[in-house]
Amino acid sequence: STDTDNITIDGPGRIECDRAQRGGPKPIALRRVRNIHLNGFTIDQ
């Protein structure tokens, strides 16, 4: 997300990246965002 307001990601789920090494996309990347809530989930690999 970029140049936005009010971004929320929450709940008891998972982001599974399923990667074996460093390099590639970021799971969560926010640029110039106001009012962010990231709560309660898992990010793996």
ModelCIF file with pLDDT and N, C-alpha, C, O atoms, coordinates in Angstrom:
data_MODEL
#
_entry.id   MODEL 
#
_entity.id                         1 
_entity.type                       polymer 
_entity.pdbx_number_of_molecules   1 
#
_entity_poly.entity_id                      1 
_entity_poly.type                           'polypeptide(L)' 
_entity_poly.nstd_linkage                   no 
_entity_poly.nstd_monomer                   no 
_entity_poly.pdbx_seq_one_letter_code       STDTDNITIDGPGRIECDRAQRGGPKPIALRRVRNIHLNGFTIDQ 
_entity_poly.pdbx_seq_one_letter_code_can   STDTDNITIDGPGRIECDRAQRGGPKPIALRRVRNIHLNGFTIDQ 
_entity_poly.pdbx_strand_id                 A 
#
loop_
_entity_poly_seq.entity_id 
_entity_poly_seq.num 
_entity_poly_seq.mon_id 
_entity_poly_seq.hetero 
1 1  SER n 
1 2  THR n 
1 3  ASP n 
1 4  THR n 
1 5  ASP n 
1 6  ASN n 
1 7  ILE n 
1 8  THR n 
1 9  ILE n 
1 10 ASP n 
1 11 GLY n 
1 12 PRO n 
1 13 GLY n 
1 14 ARG n 
1 15 ILE n 
1 16 GLU n 
1 17 CYS n 
1 18 ASP n 
1 19 ARG n 
1 20 ALA n 
1 21 GLN n 
1 22 ARG n 
1 23 GLY n 
1 24 GLY n 
1 25 PRO n 
1 26 LYS n 
1 27 PRO n 
1 28 ILE n 
1 29 ALA n 
1 30 LEU n 
1 31 ARG n 
1 32 ARG n 
1 33 VAL n 
1 34 ARG n 
1 35 ASN n 
1 36 ILE n 
1 37 HIS n 
1 38 LEU n 
1 39 ASN n 
1 40 GLY n 
1 41 PHE n 
1 42 THR n 
1 43 ILE n 
1 44 ASP n 
1 45 GLN n 
#
_struct_asym.id          A 
_struct_asym.entity_id   1 
#
loop_
_ma_qa_metric.id 
_ma_qa_metric.mode 
_ma_qa_metric.name 
_ma_qa_metric.software_group_id 
_ma_qa_metric.type 
1 global pLDDT . pLDDT 
2 local  pLDDT . pLDDT 
#
_ma_qa_metric_global.metric_id      1 
_ma_qa_metric_global.metric_value   96.49 
_ma_qa_metric_global.model_id       1 
_ma_qa_metric_global.ordinal_id     1 
#
loop_
_ma_qa_metric_local.label_asym_id 
_ma_qa_metric_local.label_comp_id 
_ma_qa_metric_local.label_seq_id 
_ma_qa_metric_local.metric_id 
_ma_qa_metric_local.metric_value 
_ma_qa_metric_local.model_id 
_ma_qa_metric_local.ordinal_id 
A SER 1  2 98.00 1 1  
A THR 2  2 98.00 1 2  
A ASP 3  2 98.00 1 3  
A THR 4  2 98.00 1 4  
A ASP 5  2 98.00 1 5  
A ASN 6  2 98.00 1 6  
A ILE 7  2 98.00 1 7  
A THR 8  2 98.00 1 8  
A ILE 9  2 98.00 1 9  
A ASP 10 2 98.00 1 10 
A GLY 11 2 97.00 1 11 
A PRO 12 2 97.00 1 12 
A GLY 13 2 97.00 1 13 
A ARG 14 2 97.00 1 14 
A ILE 15 2 98.00 1 15 
A GLU 16 2 97.00 1 16 
A CYS 17 2 95.00 1 17 
A ASP 18 2 82.00 1 18 
A ARG 19 2 87.00 1 19 
A ALA 20 2 89.00 1 20 
A GLN 21 2 92.00 1 21 
A ARG 22 2 94.00 1 22 
A GLY 23 2 93.00 1 23 
A GLY 24 2 94.00 1 24 
A PRO 25 2 96.00 1 25 
A LYS 26 2 98.00 1 26 
A PRO 27 2 98.00 1 27 
A ILE 28 2 98.00 1 28 
A ALA 29 2 98.00 1 29 
A LEU 30 2 98.00 1 30 
A ARG 31 2 98.00 1 31 
A ARG 32 2 98.00 1 32 
A VAL 33 2 98.00 1 33 
A ARG 34 2 98.00 1 34 
A ASN 35 2 98.00 1 35 
A ILE 36 2 98.00 1 36 
A HIS 37 2 98.00 1 37 
A LEU 38 2 98.00 1 38 
A ASN 39 2 98.00 1 39 
A GLY 40 2 97.00 1 40 
A PHE 41 2 98.00 1 41 
A THR 42 2 98.00 1 42 
A ILE 43 2 98.00 1 43 
A ASP 44 2 97.00 1 44 
A GLN 45 2 97.00 1 45 
#
loop_
_atom_site.group_PDB 
_atom_site.id 
_atom_site.type_symbol 
_atom_site.label_atom_id 
_atom_site.label_alt_id 
_atom_site.label_comp_id 
_atom_site.label_asym_id 
_atom_site.label_entity_id 
_atom_site.label_seq_id 
_atom_site.pdbx_PDB_ins_code 
_atom_site.Cartn_x 
_atom_site.Cartn_y 
_atom_site.Cartn_z 
_atom_site.occupancy 
_atom_site.B_iso_or_equiv 
_atom_site.pdbx_formal_charge 
_atom_site.auth_seq_id 
_atom_site.auth_comp_id 
_atom_site.auth_asym_id 
_atom_site.auth_atom_id 
_atom_site.pdbx_PDB_model_num 
ATOM 1   N N  . SER A 1 1  ? 0.854  -1.184  0.000  1.00 98.00 ? 1  SER A N  1 
ATOM 2   C CA . SER A 1 1  ? 0.000  0.000   0.000  1.00 98.00 ? 1  SER A CA 1 
ATOM 3   C C  . SER A 1 1  ? 0.888  1.232   0.000  1.00 98.00 ? 1  SER A C  1 
ATOM 4   O O  . SER A 1 1  ? 1.957  1.247   0.611  1.00 98.00 ? 1  SER A O  1 
ATOM 5   N N  . THR A 1 2  ? 0.427  2.269   -0.698 1.00 98.00 ? 2  THR A N  1 
ATOM 6   C CA . THR A 1 2  ? 1.179  3.520   -0.739 1.00 98.00 ? 2  THR A CA 1 
ATOM 7   C C  . THR A 1 2  ? 0.221  4.706   -0.770 1.00 98.00 ? 2  THR A C  1 
ATOM 8   O O  . THR A 1 2  ? -0.797 4.674   -1.462 1.00 98.00 ? 2  THR A O  1 
ATOM 9   N N  . ASP A 1 3  ? 0.552  5.748   -0.018 1.00 98.00 ? 3  ASP A N  1 
ATOM 10  C CA . ASP A 1 3  ? -0.229 6.990   0.007  1.00 98.00 ? 3  ASP A CA 1 
ATOM 11  C C  . ASP A 1 3  ? -1.694 6.734   0.345  1.00 98.00 ? 3  ASP A C  1 
ATOM 12  O O  . ASP A 1 3  ? -2.592 7.206   -0.352 1.00 98.00 ? 3  ASP A O  1 
ATOM 13  N N  . THR A 1 4  ? -1.927 5.986   1.415  1.00 98.00 ? 4  THR A N  1 
ATOM 14  C CA . THR A 1 4  ? -3.277 5.623   1.838  1.00 98.00 ? 4  THR A CA 1 
ATOM 15  C C  . THR A 1 4  ? -3.461 5.903   3.325  1.00 98.00 ? 4  THR A C  1 
ATOM 16  O O  . THR A 1 4  ? -2.519 6.243   4.041  1.00 98.00 ? 4  THR A O  1 
ATOM 17  N N  . ASP A 1 5  ? -4.719 5.745   3.766  1.00 98.00 ? 5  ASP A N  1 
ATOM 18  C CA . ASP A 1 5  ? -5.072 5.868   5.177  1.00 98.00 ? 5  ASP A CA 1 
ATOM 19  C C  . ASP A 1 5  ? -5.818 4.609   5.614  1.00 98.00 ? 5  ASP A C  1 
ATOM 20  O O  . ASP A 1 5  ? -6.513 3.973   4.820  1.00 98.00 ? 5  ASP A O  1 
ATOM 21  N N  . ASN A 1 6  ? -5.661 4.264   6.885  1.00 98.00 ? 6  ASN A N  1 
ATOM 22  C CA . ASN A 1 6  ? -6.489 3.241   7.525  1.00 98.00 ? 6  ASN A CA 1 
ATOM 23  C C  . ASN A 1 6  ? -6.307 1.862   6.881  1.00 98.00 ? 6  ASN A C  1 
ATOM 24  O O  . ASN A 1 6  ? -7.187 1.361   6.182  1.00 98.00 ? 6  ASN A O  1 
ATOM 25  N N  . ILE A 1 7  ? -5.160 1.278   7.134  1.00 98.00 ? 7  ILE A N  1 
ATOM 26  C CA . ILE A 1 7  ? -4.857 -0.069  6.644  1.00 98.00 ? 7  ILE A CA 1 
ATOM 27  C C  . ILE A 1 7  ? -4.798 -1.012  7.842  1.00 98.00 ? 7  ILE A C  1 
ATOM 28  O O  . ILE A 1 7  ? -4.029 -0.787  8.777  1.00 98.00 ? 7  ILE A O  1 
ATOM 29  N N  . THR A 1 8  ? -5.613 -2.070  7.814  1.00 98.00 ? 8  THR A N  1 
ATOM 30  C CA . THR A 1 8  ? -5.655 -3.045  8.898  1.00 98.00 ? 8  THR A CA 1 
ATOM 31  C C  . THR A 1 8  ? -5.495 -4.449  8.337  1.00 98.00 ? 8  THR A C  1 
ATOM 32  O O  . THR A 1 8  ? -6.141 -4.813  7.354  1.00 98.00 ? 8  THR A O  1 
ATOM 33  N N  . ILE A 1 9  ? -4.632 -5.232  8.966  1.00 98.00 ? 9  ILE A N  1 
ATOM 34  C CA . ILE A 1 9  ? -4.504 -6.662  8.688  1.00 98.00 ? 9  ILE A CA 1 
ATOM 35  C C  . ILE A 1 9  ? -4.545 -7.348  10.044 1.00 98.00 ? 9  ILE A C  1 
ATOM 36  O O  . ILE A 1 9  ? -3.705 -7.071  10.901 1.00 98.00 ? 9  ILE A O  1 
ATOM 37  N N  . ASP A 1 10 ? -5.514 -8.244  10.252 1.00 98.00 ? 10 ASP A N  1 
ATOM 38  C CA . ASP A 1 10 ? -5.614 -8.869  11.566 1.00 98.00 ? 10 ASP A CA 1 
ATOM 39  C C  . ASP A 1 10 ? -6.259 -10.246 11.461 1.00 98.00 ? 10 ASP A C  1 
ATOM 40  O O  . ASP A 1 10 ? -6.648 -10.692 10.382 1.00 98.00 ? 10 ASP A O  1 
ATOM 41  N N  . GLY A 1 11 ? -6.359 -10.901 12.603 1.00 97.00 ? 11 GLY A N  1 
ATOM 42  C CA . GLY A 1 11 ? -6.956 -12.226 12.667 1.00 97.00 ? 11 GLY A CA 1 
ATOM 43  C C  . GLY A 1 11 ? -5.918 -13.314 12.833 1.00 97.00 ? 11 GLY A C  1 
ATOM 44  O O  . GLY A 1 11 ? -4.731 -13.080 12.608 1.00 97.00 ? 11 GLY A O  1 
ATOM 45  N N  . PRO A 1 12 ? -6.353 -14.509 13.226 1.00 97.00 ? 12 PRO A N  1 
ATOM 46  C CA . PRO A 1 12 ? -5.422 -15.580 13.616 1.00 97.00 ? 12 PRO A CA 1 
ATOM 47  C C  . PRO A 1 12 ? -4.920 -16.434 12.455 1.00 97.00 ? 12 PRO A C  1 
ATOM 48  O O  . PRO A 1 12 ? -4.686 -17.629 12.636 1.00 97.00 ? 12 PRO A O  1 
ATOM 49  N N  . GLY A 1 13 ? -4.751 -15.855 11.274 1.00 97.00 ? 13 GLY A N  1 
ATOM 50  C CA . GLY A 1 13 ? -4.296 -16.623 10.119 1.00 97.00 ? 13 GLY A CA 1 
ATOM 51  C C  . GLY A 1 13 ? -2.797 -16.563 9.925  1.00 97.00 ? 13 GLY A C  1 
ATOM 52  O O  . GLY A 1 13 ? -2.043 -16.163 10.812 1.00 97.00 ? 13 GLY A O  1 
ATOM 53  N N  . ARG A 1 14 ? -2.381 -16.984 8.710  1.00 97.00 ? 14 ARG A N  1 
ATOM 54  C CA . ARG A 1 14 ? -0.958 -17.091 8.410  1.00 97.00 ? 14 ARG A CA 1 
ATOM 55  C C  . ARG A 1 14 ? -0.660 -16.533 7.019  1.00 97.00 ? 14 ARG A C  1 
ATOM 56  O O  . ARG A 1 14 ? -1.462 -16.655 6.093  1.00 97.00 ? 14 ARG A O  1 
ATOM 57  N N  . ILE A 1 15 ? 0.519  -15.918 6.902  1.00 98.00 ? 15 ILE A N  1 
ATOM 58  C CA . ILE A 1 15 ? 1.107  -15.625 5.606  1.00 98.00 ? 15 ILE A CA 1 
ATOM 59  C C  . ILE A 1 15 ? 2.264  -16.598 5.446  1.00 98.00 ? 15 ILE A C  1 
ATOM 60  O O  . ILE A 1 15 ? 3.255  -16.519 6.172  1.00 98.00 ? 15 ILE A O  1 
ATOM 61  N N  . GLU A 1 16 ? 2.137  -17.507 4.501  1.00 97.00 ? 16 GLU A N  1 
ATOM 62  C CA . GLU A 1 16 ? 3.174  -18.509 4.279  1.00 97.00 ? 16 GLU A CA 1 
ATOM 63  C C  . GLU A 1 16 ? 3.930  -18.145 3.010  1.00 97.00 ? 16 GLU A C  1 
ATOM 64  O O  . GLU A 1 16 ? 3.358  -18.086 1.921  1.00 97.00 ? 16 GLU A O  1 
ATOM 65  N N  . CYS A 1 17 ? 5.209  -17.906 3.170  1.00 95.00 ? 17 CYS A N  1 
ATOM 66  C CA . CYS A 1 17 ? 6.017  -17.451 2.043  1.00 95.00 ? 17 CYS A CA 1 
ATOM 67  C C  . CYS A 1 17 ? 6.633  -18.618 1.278  1.00 95.00 ? 17 CYS A C  1 
ATOM 68  O O  . CYS A 1 17 ? 6.934  -18.493 0.091  1.00 95.00 ? 17 CYS A O  1 
ATOM 69  N N  . ASP A 1 18 ? 6.823  -19.751 1.951  1.00 82.00 ? 18 ASP A N  1 
ATOM 70  C CA . ASP A 1 18 ? 7.252  -20.982 1.302  1.00 82.00 ? 18 ASP A CA 1 
ATOM 71  C C  . ASP A 1 18 ? 8.504  -20.756 0.467  1.00 82.00 ? 18 ASP A C  1 
ATOM 72  O O  . ASP A 1 18 ? 8.585  -21.208 -0.676 1.00 82.00 ? 18 ASP A O  1 
ATOM 73  N N  . ARG A 1 19 ? 9.479  -20.056 1.037  1.00 87.00 ? 19 ARG A N  1 
ATOM 74  C CA . ARG A 1 19 ? 10.741 -19.794 0.347  1.00 87.00 ? 19 ARG A CA 1 
ATOM 75  C C  . ARG A 1 19 ? 11.881 -20.500 1.064  1.00 87.00 ? 19 ARG A C  1 
ATOM 76  O O  . ARG A 1 19 ? 11.799 -20.788 2.258  1.00 87.00 ? 19 ARG A O  1 
ATOM 77  N N  . ALA A 1 20 ? 12.945 -20.774 0.319  1.00 89.00 ? 20 ALA A N  1 
ATOM 78  C CA . ALA A 1 20 ? 14.065 -21.525 0.880  1.00 89.00 ? 20 ALA A CA 1 
ATOM 79  C C  . ALA A 1 20 ? 15.291 -20.669 1.125  1.00 89.00 ? 20 ALA A C  1 
ATOM 80  O O  . ALA A 1 20 ? 16.271 -21.144 1.698  1.00 89.00 ? 20 ALA A O  1 
ATOM 81  N N  . GLN A 1 21 ? 15.253 -19.399 0.695  1.00 92.00 ? 21 GLN A N  1 
ATOM 82  C CA . GLN A 1 21 ? 16.399 -18.535 0.880  1.00 92.00 ? 21 GLN A CA 1 
ATOM 83  C C  . GLN A 1 21 ? 15.977 -17.071 0.809  1.00 92.00 ? 21 GLN A C  1 
ATOM 84  O O  . GLN A 1 21 ? 14.832 -16.745 0.499  1.00 92.00 ? 21 GLN A O  1 
ATOM 85  N N  . ARG A 1 22 ? 16.935 -16.205 1.106  1.00 94.00 ? 22 ARG A N  1 
ATOM 86  C CA . ARG A 1 22 ? 16.675 -14.773 1.096  1.00 94.00 ? 22 ARG A CA 1 
ATOM 87  C C  . ARG A 1 22 ? 16.598 -14.255 -0.339 1.00 94.00 ? 22 ARG A C  1 
ATOM 88  O O  . ARG A 1 22 ? 17.307 -14.723 -1.230 1.00 94.00 ? 22 ARG A O  1 
ATOM 89  N N  . GLY A 1 23 ? 15.708 -13.265 -0.534 1.00 93.00 ? 23 GLY A N  1 
ATOM 90  C CA . GLY A 1 23 ? 15.556 -12.637 -1.831 1.00 93.00 ? 23 GLY A CA 1 
ATOM 91  C C  . GLY A 1 23 ? 14.169 -12.843 -2.389 1.00 93.00 ? 23 GLY A C  1 
ATOM 92  O O  . GLY A 1 23 ? 13.690 -13.975 -2.468 1.00 93.00 ? 23 GLY A O  1 
ATOM 93  N N  . GLY A 1 24 ? 13.515 -11.756 -2.780 1.00 94.00 ? 24 GLY A N  1 
ATOM 94  C CA . GLY A 1 24 ? 12.169 -11.856 -3.324 1.00 94.00 ? 24 GLY A CA 1 
ATOM 95  C C  . GLY A 1 24 ? 11.247 -10.828 -2.719 1.00 94.00 ? 24 GLY A C  1 
ATOM 96  O O  . GLY A 1 24 ? 11.715 -9.848  -2.139 1.00 94.00 ? 24 GLY A O  1 
ATOM 97  N N  . PRO A 1 25 ? 9.947  -11.025 -2.839 1.00 96.00 ? 25 PRO A N  1 
ATOM 98  C CA . PRO A 1 25 ? 8.984  -10.021 -2.369 1.00 96.00 ? 25 PRO A CA 1 
ATOM 99  C C  . PRO A 1 25 ? 8.955  -9.897  -0.843 1.00 96.00 ? 25 PRO A C  1 
ATOM 100 O O  . PRO A 1 25 ? 9.242  -10.846 -0.114 1.00 96.00 ? 25 PRO A O  1 
ATOM 101 N N  . LYS A 1 26 ? 8.602  -8.707  -0.392 1.00 98.00 ? 26 LYS A N  1 
ATOM 102 C CA . LYS A 1 26 ? 8.316  -8.508  1.014  1.00 98.00 ? 26 LYS A CA 1 
ATOM 103 C C  . LYS A 1 26 ? 6.892  -8.995  1.298  1.00 98.00 ? 26 LYS A C  1 
ATOM 104 O O  . LYS A 1 26 ? 6.000  -8.741  0.488  1.00 98.00 ? 26 LYS A O  1 
ATOM 105 N N  . PRO A 1 27 ? 6.648  -9.674  2.400  1.00 98.00 ? 27 PRO A N  1 
ATOM 106 C CA . PRO A 1 27 ? 5.266  -10.039 2.737  1.00 98.00 ? 27 PRO A CA 1 
ATOM 107 C C  . PRO A 1 27 ? 4.362  -8.825  2.925  1.00 98.00 ? 27 PRO A C  1 
ATOM 108 O O  . PRO A 1 27 ? 3.251  -8.800  2.395  1.00 98.00 ? 27 PRO A O  1 
ATOM 109 N N  . ILE A 1 28 ? 4.818  -7.814  3.671  1.00 98.00 ? 28 ILE A N  1 
ATOM 110 C CA . ILE A 1 28 ? 4.033  -6.602  3.906  1.00 98.00 ? 28 ILE A CA 1 
ATOM 111 C C  . ILE A 1 28 ? 4.937  -5.395  3.709  1.00 98.00 ? 28 ILE A C  1 
ATOM 112 O O  . ILE A 1 28 ? 5.962  -5.265  4.378  1.00 98.00 ? 28 ILE A O  1 
ATOM 113 N N  . ALA A 1 29 ? 4.556  -4.506  2.786  1.00 98.00 ? 29 ALA A N  1 
ATOM 114 C CA . ALA A 1 29 ? 5.343  -3.300  2.520  1.00 98.00 ? 29 ALA A CA 1 
ATOM 115 C C  . ALA A 1 29 ? 4.392  -2.116  2.411  1.00 98.00 ? 29 ALA A C  1 
ATOM 116 O O  . ALA A 1 29 ? 3.538  -2.088  1.526  1.00 98.00 ? 29 ALA A O  1 
ATOM 117 N N  . LEU A 1 30 ? 4.533  -1.139  3.302  1.00 98.00 ? 30 LEU A N  1 
ATOM 118 C CA . LEU A 1 30 ? 3.636  0.013   3.355  1.00 98.00 ? 30 LEU A CA 1 
ATOM 119 C C  . LEU A 1 30 ? 4.465  1.289   3.263  1.00 98.00 ? 30 LEU A C  1 
ATOM 120 O O  . LEU A 1 30 ? 5.434  1.469   4.001  1.00 98.00 ? 30 LEU A O  1 
ATOM 121 N N  . ARG A 1 31 ? 4.070  2.171   2.347  1.00 98.00 ? 31 ARG A N  1 
ATOM 122 C CA . ARG A 1 31 ? 4.821  3.398   2.081  1.00 98.00 ? 31 ARG A CA 1 
ATOM 123 C C  . ARG A 1 31 ? 3.900  4.610   2.174  1.00 98.00 ? 31 ARG A C  1 
ATOM 124 O O  . ARG A 1 31 ? 2.894  4.700   1.470  1.00 98.00 ? 31 ARG A O  1 
ATOM 125 N N  . ARG A 1 32 ? 4.262  5.529   3.047  1.00 98.00 ? 32 ARG A N  1 
ATOM 126 C CA . ARG A 1 32 ? 3.467  6.753   3.263  1.00 98.00 ? 32 ARG A CA 1 
ATOM 127 C C  . ARG A 1 32 ? 2.010  6.420   3.581  1.00 98.00 ? 32 ARG A C  1 
ATOM 128 O O  . ARG A 1 32 ? 1.093  6.878   2.899  1.00 98.00 ? 32 ARG A O  1 
ATOM 129 N N  . VAL A 1 33 ? 1.817  5.627   4.610  1.00 98.00 ? 33 VAL A N  1 
ATOM 130 C CA . VAL A 1 33 ? 0.480  5.215   5.037  1.00 98.00 ? 33 VAL A CA 1 
ATOM 131 C C  . VAL A 1 33 ? 0.222  5.760   6.441  1.00 98.00 ? 33 VAL A C  1 
ATOM 132 O O  . VAL A 1 33 ? 1.114  5.752   7.289  1.00 98.00 ? 33 VAL A O  1 
ATOM 133 N N  . ARG A 1 34 ? -0.981 6.226   6.676  1.00 98.00 ? 34 ARG A N  1 
ATOM 134 C CA . ARG A 1 34 ? -1.372 6.726   7.995  1.00 98.00 ? 34 ARG A CA 1 
ATOM 135 C C  . ARG A 1 34 ? -2.422 5.821   8.612  1.00 98.00 ? 34 ARG A C  1 
ATOM 136 O O  . ARG A 1 34 ? -3.370 5.399   7.950  1.00 98.00 ? 34 ARG A O  1 
ATOM 137 N N  . ASN A 1 35 ? -2.235 5.534   9.886  1.00 98.00 ? 35 ASN A N  1 
ATOM 138 C CA . ASN A 1 35 ? -3.185 4.748   10.682 1.00 98.00 ? 35 ASN A CA 1 
ATOM 139 C C  . ASN A 1 35 ? -3.153 3.276   10.254 1.00 98.00 ? 35 ASN A C  1 
ATOM 140 O O  . ASN A 1 35 ? -3.983 2.821   9.466  1.00 98.00 ? 35 ASN A O  1 
ATOM 141 N N  . ILE A 1 36 ? -2.177 2.552   10.793 1.00 98.00 ? 36 ILE A N  1 
ATOM 142 C CA . ILE A 1 36 ? -1.924 1.157   10.438 1.00 98.00 ? 36 ILE A CA 1 
ATOM 143 C C  . ILE A 1 36 ? -2.145 0.278   11.658 1.00 98.00 ? 36 ILE A C  1 
ATOM 144 O O  . ILE A 1 36 ? -1.712 0.607   12.763 1.00 98.00 ? 36 ILE A O  1 
ATOM 145 N N  . HIS A 1 37 ? -2.828 -0.851  11.444 1.00 98.00 ? 37 HIS A N  1 
ATOM 146 C CA . HIS A 1 37 ? -3.023 -1.844  12.496 1.00 98.00 ? 37 HIS A CA 1 
ATOM 147 C C  . HIS A 1 37 ? -2.664 -3.221  11.926 1.00 98.00 ? 37 HIS A C  1 
ATOM 148 O O  . HIS A 1 37 ? -3.310 -3.703  10.996 1.00 98.00 ? 37 HIS A O  1 
ATOM 149 N N  . LEU A 1 38 ? -1.634 -3.842  12.490 1.00 98.00 ? 38 LEU A N  1 
ATOM 150 C CA . LEU A 1 38 ? -1.227 -5.194  12.102 1.00 98.00 ? 38 LEU A CA 1 
ATOM 151 C C  . LEU A 1 38 ? -1.250 -6.030  13.367 1.00 98.00 ? 38 LEU A C  1 
ATOM 152 O O  . LEU A 1 38 ? -0.440 -5.813  14.268 1.00 98.00 ? 38 LEU A O  1 
ATOM 153 N N  . ASN A 1 39 ? -2.174 -6.989  13.447 1.00 98.00 ? 39 ASN A N  1 
ATOM 154 C CA . ASN A 1 39 ? -2.391 -7.659  14.732 1.00 98.00 ? 39 ASN A CA 1 
ATOM 155 C C  . ASN A 1 39 ? -2.768 -9.124  14.561 1.00 98.00 ? 39 ASN A C  1 
ATOM 156 O O  . ASN A 1 39 ? -3.670 -9.465  13.796 1.00 98.00 ? 39 ASN A O  1 
ATOM 157 N N  . GLY A 1 40 ? -2.049 -9.996  15.299 1.00 97.00 ? 40 GLY A N  1 
ATOM 158 C CA . GLY A 1 40 ? -2.553 -11.327 15.590 1.00 97.00 ? 40 GLY A CA 1 
ATOM 159 C C  . GLY A 1 40 ? -2.246 -12.446 14.633 1.00 97.00 ? 40 GLY A C  1 
ATOM 160 O O  . GLY A 1 40 ? -2.742 -13.553 14.842 1.00 97.00 ? 40 GLY A O  1 
ATOM 161 N N  . PHE A 1 41 ? -1.452 -12.234 13.583 1.00 98.00 ? 41 PHE A N  1 
ATOM 162 C CA . PHE A 1 41 ? -1.237 -13.287 12.600 1.00 98.00 ? 41 PHE A CA 1 
ATOM 163 C C  . PHE A 1 41 ? 0.230  -13.711 12.563 1.00 98.00 ? 41 PHE A C  1 
ATOM 164 O O  . PHE A 1 41 ? 1.074  -13.136 13.250 1.00 98.00 ? 41 PHE A O  1 
ATOM 165 N N  . THR A 1 42 ? 0.517  -14.724 11.748 1.00 98.00 ? 42 THR A N  1 
ATOM 166 C CA . THR A 1 42 ? 1.860  -15.294 11.613 1.00 98.00 ? 42 THR A CA 1 
ATOM 167 C C  . THR A 1 42 ? 2.405  -15.021 10.217 1.00 98.00 ? 42 THR A C  1 
ATOM 168 O O  . THR A 1 42 ? 1.662  -15.066 9.237  1.00 98.00 ? 42 THR A O  1 
ATOM 169 N N  . ILE A 1 43 ? 3.695  -14.739 10.129 1.00 98.00 ? 43 ILE A N  1 
ATOM 170 C CA . ILE A 1 43 ? 4.404  -14.673 8.847  1.00 98.00 ? 43 ILE A CA 1 
ATOM 171 C C  . ILE A 1 43 ? 5.541  -15.682 8.910  1.00 98.00 ? 43 ILE A C  1 
ATOM 172 O O  . ILE A 1 43 ? 6.411  -15.581 9.775  1.00 98.00 ? 43 ILE A O  1 
ATOM 173 N N  . ASP A 1 44 ? 5.541  -16.652 8.005  1.00 97.00 ? 44 ASP A N  1 
ATOM 174 C CA . ASP A 1 44 ? 6.530  -17.735 8.050  1.00 97.00 ? 44 ASP A CA 1 
ATOM 175 C C  . ASP A 1 44 ? 7.429  -17.706 6.817  1.00 97.00 ? 44 ASP A C  1 
ATOM 176 O O  . ASP A 1 44 ? 6.949  -17.551 5.694  1.00 97.00 ? 44 ASP A O  1 
ATOM 177 N N  . GLN A 1 45 ? 8.725  -17.855 7.033  1.00 97.00 ? 45 GLN A N  1 
ATOM 178 C CA . GLN A 1 45 ? 9.741  -17.975 5.988  1.00 97.00 ? 45 GLN A CA 1 
ATOM 179 C C  . GLN A 1 45 ? 9.758  -16.769 5.045  1.00 97.00 ? 45 GLN A C  1 
ATOM 180 O O  . GLN A 1 45 ? 10.562 -16.725 4.113  1.00 97.00 ? 45 GLN A O  1 
#
